């Protein structure tokens, strides 16, 4: 089943699930400069660990943009419920692991 909000199909949280059990799901995220992750929804609380940081911008489903610079080695926690897309607006490749807490 594909998730749809206001007629817009939502994509996955990341490009690939690299680990999953009954308590966590770990996604691999890689964005080249100028690349955008599709609009997606976070159904679980999650941590983002920037393996290789970049200058990113989050755009929410209502069009709000939020600067999201993520330094290499940085970790952020986010509550569930967000519907957004992520764009790498910097000049370095962004690599991250996103850990969903089930």
N, C-alpha and C. Protein backbone atom coordinates (compact mmCIF):
# COMPACT_ATOMS: atom_id res chain seq x y z
N UNK A 1 0.83 -1.18 0.00
CA UNK A 1 0.00 0.00 0.00
C UNK A 1 0.88 1.25 0.00
N UNK A 2 0.59 2.17 -0.89
CA UNK A 2 1.33 3.42 -1.00
C UNK A 2 0.63 4.50 -0.19
N UNK A 3 1.40 5.24 0.59
CA UNK A 3 0.83 6.35 1.36
C UNK A 3 0.64 7.56 0.45
N UNK A 4 -0.52 8.21 0.57
CA UNK A 4 -0.84 9.40 -0.21
C UNK A 4 -1.42 10.45 0.74
N UNK A 5 -0.93 11.68 0.63
CA UNK A 5 -1.47 12.81 1.40
C UNK A 5 -1.83 13.91 0.42
N UNK A 6 -3.07 14.38 0.48
CA UNK A 6 -3.54 15.46 -0.40
C UNK A 6 -3.21 15.19 -1.86
N UNK A 7 -3.35 13.94 -2.29
CA UNK A 7 -3.10 13.57 -3.67
C UNK A 7 -1.64 13.38 -4.02
N UNK A 8 -0.73 13.54 -3.05
CA UNK A 8 0.70 13.38 -3.29
C UNK A 8 1.18 12.05 -2.74
N UNK A 9 1.80 11.24 -3.60
CA UNK A 9 2.35 9.96 -3.16
C UNK A 9 3.62 10.19 -2.35
N UNK A 10 3.72 9.52 -1.22
CA UNK A 10 4.89 9.66 -0.35
C UNK A 10 5.93 8.60 -0.68
N UNK A 11 7.19 8.99 -0.57
CA UNK A 11 8.29 8.07 -0.81
C UNK A 11 8.75 7.44 0.50
N UNK A 12 9.80 6.63 0.42
CA UNK A 12 10.35 6.01 1.63
C UNK A 12 11.17 7.02 2.43
N UNK A 13 11.44 6.67 3.67
CA UNK A 13 12.23 7.52 4.58
C UNK A 13 13.67 7.64 4.10
N UNK A 14 14.22 6.58 3.53
CA UNK A 14 15.59 6.58 3.02
C UNK A 14 15.68 5.73 1.77
N UNK A 15 16.90 5.53 1.27
CA UNK A 15 17.08 4.75 0.06
C UNK A 15 17.08 3.23 0.29
N UNK A 16 17.54 2.84 1.49
CA UNK A 16 17.70 1.40 1.74
C UNK A 16 17.62 1.13 3.24
N UNK A 17 16.94 0.05 3.61
CA UNK A 17 16.95 -0.40 5.00
C UNK A 17 18.19 -1.28 5.17
N UNK A 18 19.09 -0.88 6.09
CA UNK A 18 20.32 -1.63 6.29
C UNK A 18 20.27 -2.54 7.51
N UNK A 19 19.25 -2.34 8.38
CA UNK A 19 19.07 -3.21 9.54
C UNK A 19 17.66 -3.02 10.06
N UNK A 20 17.05 -4.12 10.50
CA UNK A 20 15.73 -4.01 11.11
C UNK A 20 15.49 -5.19 12.04
N UNK A 21 14.88 -4.87 13.19
CA UNK A 21 14.37 -5.89 14.09
C UNK A 21 13.06 -5.39 14.67
N UNK A 22 12.58 -6.00 15.74
CA UNK A 22 11.28 -5.60 16.28
C UNK A 22 11.31 -4.26 17.02
N UNK A 23 12.50 -3.69 17.26
CA UNK A 23 12.60 -2.43 18.01
C UNK A 23 13.10 -1.24 17.20
N UNK A 24 13.90 -1.50 16.16
CA UNK A 24 14.46 -0.41 15.36
C UNK A 24 14.46 -0.76 13.87
N UNK A 25 14.50 0.28 13.06
CA UNK A 25 14.73 0.15 11.61
C UNK A 25 15.79 1.19 11.26
N UNK A 26 16.83 0.78 10.57
CA UNK A 26 17.93 1.69 10.22
C UNK A 26 17.96 1.88 8.70
N UNK A 27 17.85 3.14 8.29
CA UNK A 27 17.86 3.52 6.88
C UNK A 27 19.21 4.11 6.49
N UNK A 28 19.63 3.87 5.27
CA UNK A 28 20.78 4.53 4.65
C UNK A 28 20.24 5.69 3.83
N UNK A 29 20.84 6.86 3.99
CA UNK A 29 20.46 8.04 3.20
C UNK A 29 21.72 8.61 2.57
N UNK A 30 21.67 8.85 1.27
CA UNK A 30 22.78 9.47 0.54
C UNK A 30 22.18 10.48 -0.42
N UNK A 31 22.62 11.73 -0.31
CA UNK A 31 22.18 12.77 -1.22
C UNK A 31 23.40 13.50 -1.77
N UNK A 32 23.52 13.49 -3.08
CA UNK A 32 24.58 14.26 -3.74
C UNK A 32 24.19 15.74 -3.72
N UNK A 33 25.14 16.65 -3.91
CA UNK A 33 24.80 18.07 -3.96
C UNK A 33 23.66 18.32 -4.96
N UNK A 34 22.63 19.03 -4.52
CA UNK A 34 21.48 19.33 -5.36
C UNK A 34 20.42 18.24 -5.40
N UNK A 35 20.71 17.08 -4.85
CA UNK A 35 19.75 15.96 -4.86
C UNK A 35 18.72 16.12 -3.75
N UNK A 36 17.50 15.65 -4.03
CA UNK A 36 16.38 15.77 -3.09
C UNK A 36 15.81 14.40 -2.77
N UNK A 37 15.55 14.20 -1.50
CA UNK A 37 14.84 13.02 -1.04
C UNK A 37 13.35 13.29 -1.24
N UNK A 38 12.56 12.31 -1.68
CA UNK A 38 11.14 12.57 -1.94
C UNK A 38 10.37 12.90 -0.65
N UNK A 39 9.21 13.49 -0.84
CA UNK A 39 8.31 13.75 0.28
C UNK A 39 8.00 12.43 0.97
N UNK A 40 8.14 12.41 2.29
CA UNK A 40 7.93 11.18 3.06
C UNK A 40 7.40 11.54 4.45
N UNK A 41 6.90 10.52 5.15
CA UNK A 41 6.34 10.73 6.49
C UNK A 41 7.12 9.88 7.49
N UNK A 42 7.33 10.46 8.66
CA UNK A 42 7.96 9.73 9.77
C UNK A 42 6.90 9.26 10.74
N UNK A 43 6.65 7.96 10.76
CA UNK A 43 5.63 7.38 11.64
C UNK A 43 6.17 7.00 13.02
N UNK A 44 7.49 7.04 13.17
CA UNK A 44 8.14 6.66 14.43
C UNK A 44 9.10 7.76 14.86
N UNK A 45 9.38 7.88 16.17
CA UNK A 45 10.47 8.77 16.59
C UNK A 45 11.77 8.25 15.98
N UNK A 46 12.72 9.16 15.75
CA UNK A 46 13.94 8.71 15.06
C UNK A 46 15.15 9.58 15.41
N UNK A 47 16.31 8.98 15.19
CA UNK A 47 17.60 9.66 15.30
C UNK A 47 18.22 9.73 13.91
N UNK A 48 18.88 10.84 13.60
CA UNK A 48 19.66 10.95 12.37
C UNK A 48 21.11 11.12 12.77
N UNK A 49 21.97 10.24 12.25
CA UNK A 49 23.41 10.31 12.50
C UNK A 49 24.07 10.67 11.19
N UNK A 50 24.70 11.85 11.13
CA UNK A 50 25.36 12.30 9.91
C UNK A 50 26.74 11.66 9.82
N UNK A 51 26.88 10.70 8.94
CA UNK A 51 28.16 10.03 8.70
C UNK A 51 29.09 10.98 7.95
N UNK A 52 28.52 11.68 6.98
CA UNK A 52 29.23 12.75 6.26
C UNK A 52 28.25 13.91 6.14
N UNK A 53 28.54 14.99 6.81
CA UNK A 53 27.61 16.10 6.91
C UNK A 53 27.48 16.91 5.63
N UNK A 54 26.43 17.72 5.59
CA UNK A 54 26.17 18.59 4.44
C UNK A 54 25.24 19.71 4.87
N UNK A 55 25.09 20.68 4.00
CA UNK A 55 24.14 21.77 4.21
C UNK A 55 22.82 21.33 3.55
N UNK A 56 21.81 21.09 4.37
CA UNK A 56 20.53 20.60 3.89
C UNK A 56 19.42 21.59 4.19
N UNK A 57 18.33 21.46 3.46
CA UNK A 57 17.11 22.22 3.70
C UNK A 57 15.96 21.23 3.76
N UNK A 58 15.14 21.37 4.79
CA UNK A 58 13.92 20.59 4.93
C UNK A 58 12.76 21.43 4.40
N UNK A 59 11.91 20.82 3.57
CA UNK A 59 10.69 21.49 3.13
C UNK A 59 9.51 20.65 3.59
N UNK A 60 8.65 21.25 4.41
CA UNK A 60 7.50 20.53 4.94
C UNK A 60 6.40 20.47 3.89
N UNK A 61 5.41 19.63 4.15
CA UNK A 61 4.32 19.45 3.19
C UNK A 61 3.55 20.75 2.94
N UNK A 62 3.57 21.68 3.90
CA UNK A 62 2.87 22.96 3.72
C UNK A 62 3.76 24.02 3.05
N UNK A 63 4.99 23.64 2.67
CA UNK A 63 5.87 24.56 1.95
C UNK A 63 6.86 25.31 2.81
N UNK A 64 6.80 25.14 4.12
CA UNK A 64 7.77 25.79 5.01
C UNK A 64 9.16 25.21 4.77
N UNK A 65 10.18 26.07 4.70
CA UNK A 65 11.55 25.59 4.57
C UNK A 65 12.33 25.87 5.85
N UNK A 66 13.18 24.92 6.21
CA UNK A 66 13.96 24.99 7.44
C UNK A 66 15.39 24.61 7.11
N UNK A 67 16.35 25.50 7.44
CA UNK A 67 17.76 25.15 7.27
C UNK A 67 18.10 23.99 8.20
N UNK A 68 18.80 22.99 7.67
CA UNK A 68 19.14 21.81 8.46
C UNK A 68 20.58 21.42 8.20
N UNK A 69 21.50 22.33 8.55
CA UNK A 69 22.92 22.00 8.42
C UNK A 69 23.23 20.84 9.35
N UNK A 70 23.84 19.81 8.82
CA UNK A 70 24.17 18.64 9.62
C UNK A 70 25.67 18.39 9.54
N UNK A 71 26.40 18.67 10.62
CA UNK A 71 27.85 18.46 10.60
C UNK A 71 28.19 16.97 10.67
N UNK A 72 29.31 16.61 10.11
CA UNK A 72 29.77 15.23 10.19
C UNK A 72 29.85 14.80 11.65
N UNK A 73 29.27 13.65 11.95
CA UNK A 73 29.25 13.13 13.31
C UNK A 73 28.09 13.63 14.15
N UNK A 74 27.32 14.57 13.63
CA UNK A 74 26.19 15.12 14.38
C UNK A 74 25.07 14.11 14.53
N UNK A 75 24.33 14.24 15.63
CA UNK A 75 23.18 13.38 15.91
C UNK A 75 22.02 14.27 16.32
N UNK A 76 20.84 14.03 15.73
CA UNK A 76 19.64 14.75 16.13
C UNK A 76 18.52 13.75 16.38
N UNK A 77 17.64 14.11 17.31
CA UNK A 77 16.45 13.32 17.62
C UNK A 77 15.24 14.08 17.12
N UNK A 78 14.29 13.36 16.53
CA UNK A 78 13.05 13.99 16.05
C UNK A 78 11.85 13.14 16.48
N UNK A 79 10.77 13.83 16.86
CA UNK A 79 9.51 13.16 17.17
C UNK A 79 8.83 12.71 15.88
N UNK A 80 7.92 11.74 15.97
CA UNK A 80 7.21 11.27 14.77
C UNK A 80 6.21 12.29 14.27
N UNK A 81 5.72 12.06 13.07
CA UNK A 81 4.64 12.86 12.52
C UNK A 81 5.04 13.79 11.39
N UNK A 82 6.32 14.06 11.23
CA UNK A 82 6.76 14.99 10.20
C UNK A 82 6.50 14.43 8.80
N UNK A 83 6.03 15.31 7.91
CA UNK A 83 5.91 15.00 6.48
C UNK A 83 6.72 16.07 5.77
N UNK A 84 7.82 15.64 5.14
CA UNK A 84 8.72 16.61 4.53
C UNK A 84 9.61 15.96 3.48
N UNK A 85 10.40 16.79 2.81
CA UNK A 85 11.45 16.30 1.93
C UNK A 85 12.74 17.00 2.33
N UNK A 86 13.86 16.39 1.97
CA UNK A 86 15.17 16.91 2.34
C UNK A 86 15.97 17.15 1.07
N UNK A 87 16.59 18.34 0.96
CA UNK A 87 17.41 18.67 -0.20
C UNK A 87 18.82 19.03 0.28
N UNK A 88 19.81 18.46 -0.38
CA UNK A 88 21.21 18.81 -0.11
C UNK A 88 21.52 20.04 -0.96
N UNK A 89 21.62 21.20 -0.30
CA UNK A 89 21.89 22.46 -1.01
C UNK A 89 23.36 22.85 -0.93
N UNK A 90 24.17 21.98 -0.33
CA UNK A 90 25.60 22.25 -0.20
C UNK A 90 26.39 21.70 -1.37
N UNK A 91 27.70 21.64 -1.18
CA UNK A 91 28.57 21.14 -2.25
C UNK A 91 29.30 19.86 -1.86
N UNK A 92 28.82 19.18 -0.81
CA UNK A 92 29.38 17.90 -0.40
C UNK A 92 28.29 16.84 -0.38
N UNK A 93 28.68 15.59 -0.56
CA UNK A 93 27.74 14.48 -0.48
C UNK A 93 27.29 14.30 0.97
N UNK A 94 26.00 14.09 1.17
CA UNK A 94 25.43 13.86 2.49
C UNK A 94 25.21 12.36 2.66
N UNK A 95 25.77 11.80 3.74
CA UNK A 95 25.56 10.40 4.09
C UNK A 95 25.06 10.34 5.52
N UNK A 96 24.01 9.58 5.75
CA UNK A 96 23.47 9.48 7.09
C UNK A 96 22.85 8.11 7.33
N UNK A 97 22.70 7.80 8.61
CA UNK A 97 21.91 6.67 9.05
C UNK A 97 20.75 7.25 9.86
N UNK A 98 19.56 6.83 9.51
CA UNK A 98 18.37 7.26 10.22
C UNK A 98 17.84 6.05 10.97
N UNK A 99 17.73 6.17 12.29
CA UNK A 99 17.31 5.05 13.15
C UNK A 99 15.91 5.33 13.66
N UNK A 100 14.94 4.57 13.15
CA UNK A 100 13.56 4.68 13.62
C UNK A 100 13.39 3.81 14.85
N UNK A 101 12.77 4.35 15.89
CA UNK A 101 12.50 3.61 17.12
C UNK A 101 11.06 3.14 17.07
N UNK A 102 10.86 1.84 17.00
CA UNK A 102 9.51 1.30 16.85
C UNK A 102 8.77 1.24 18.16
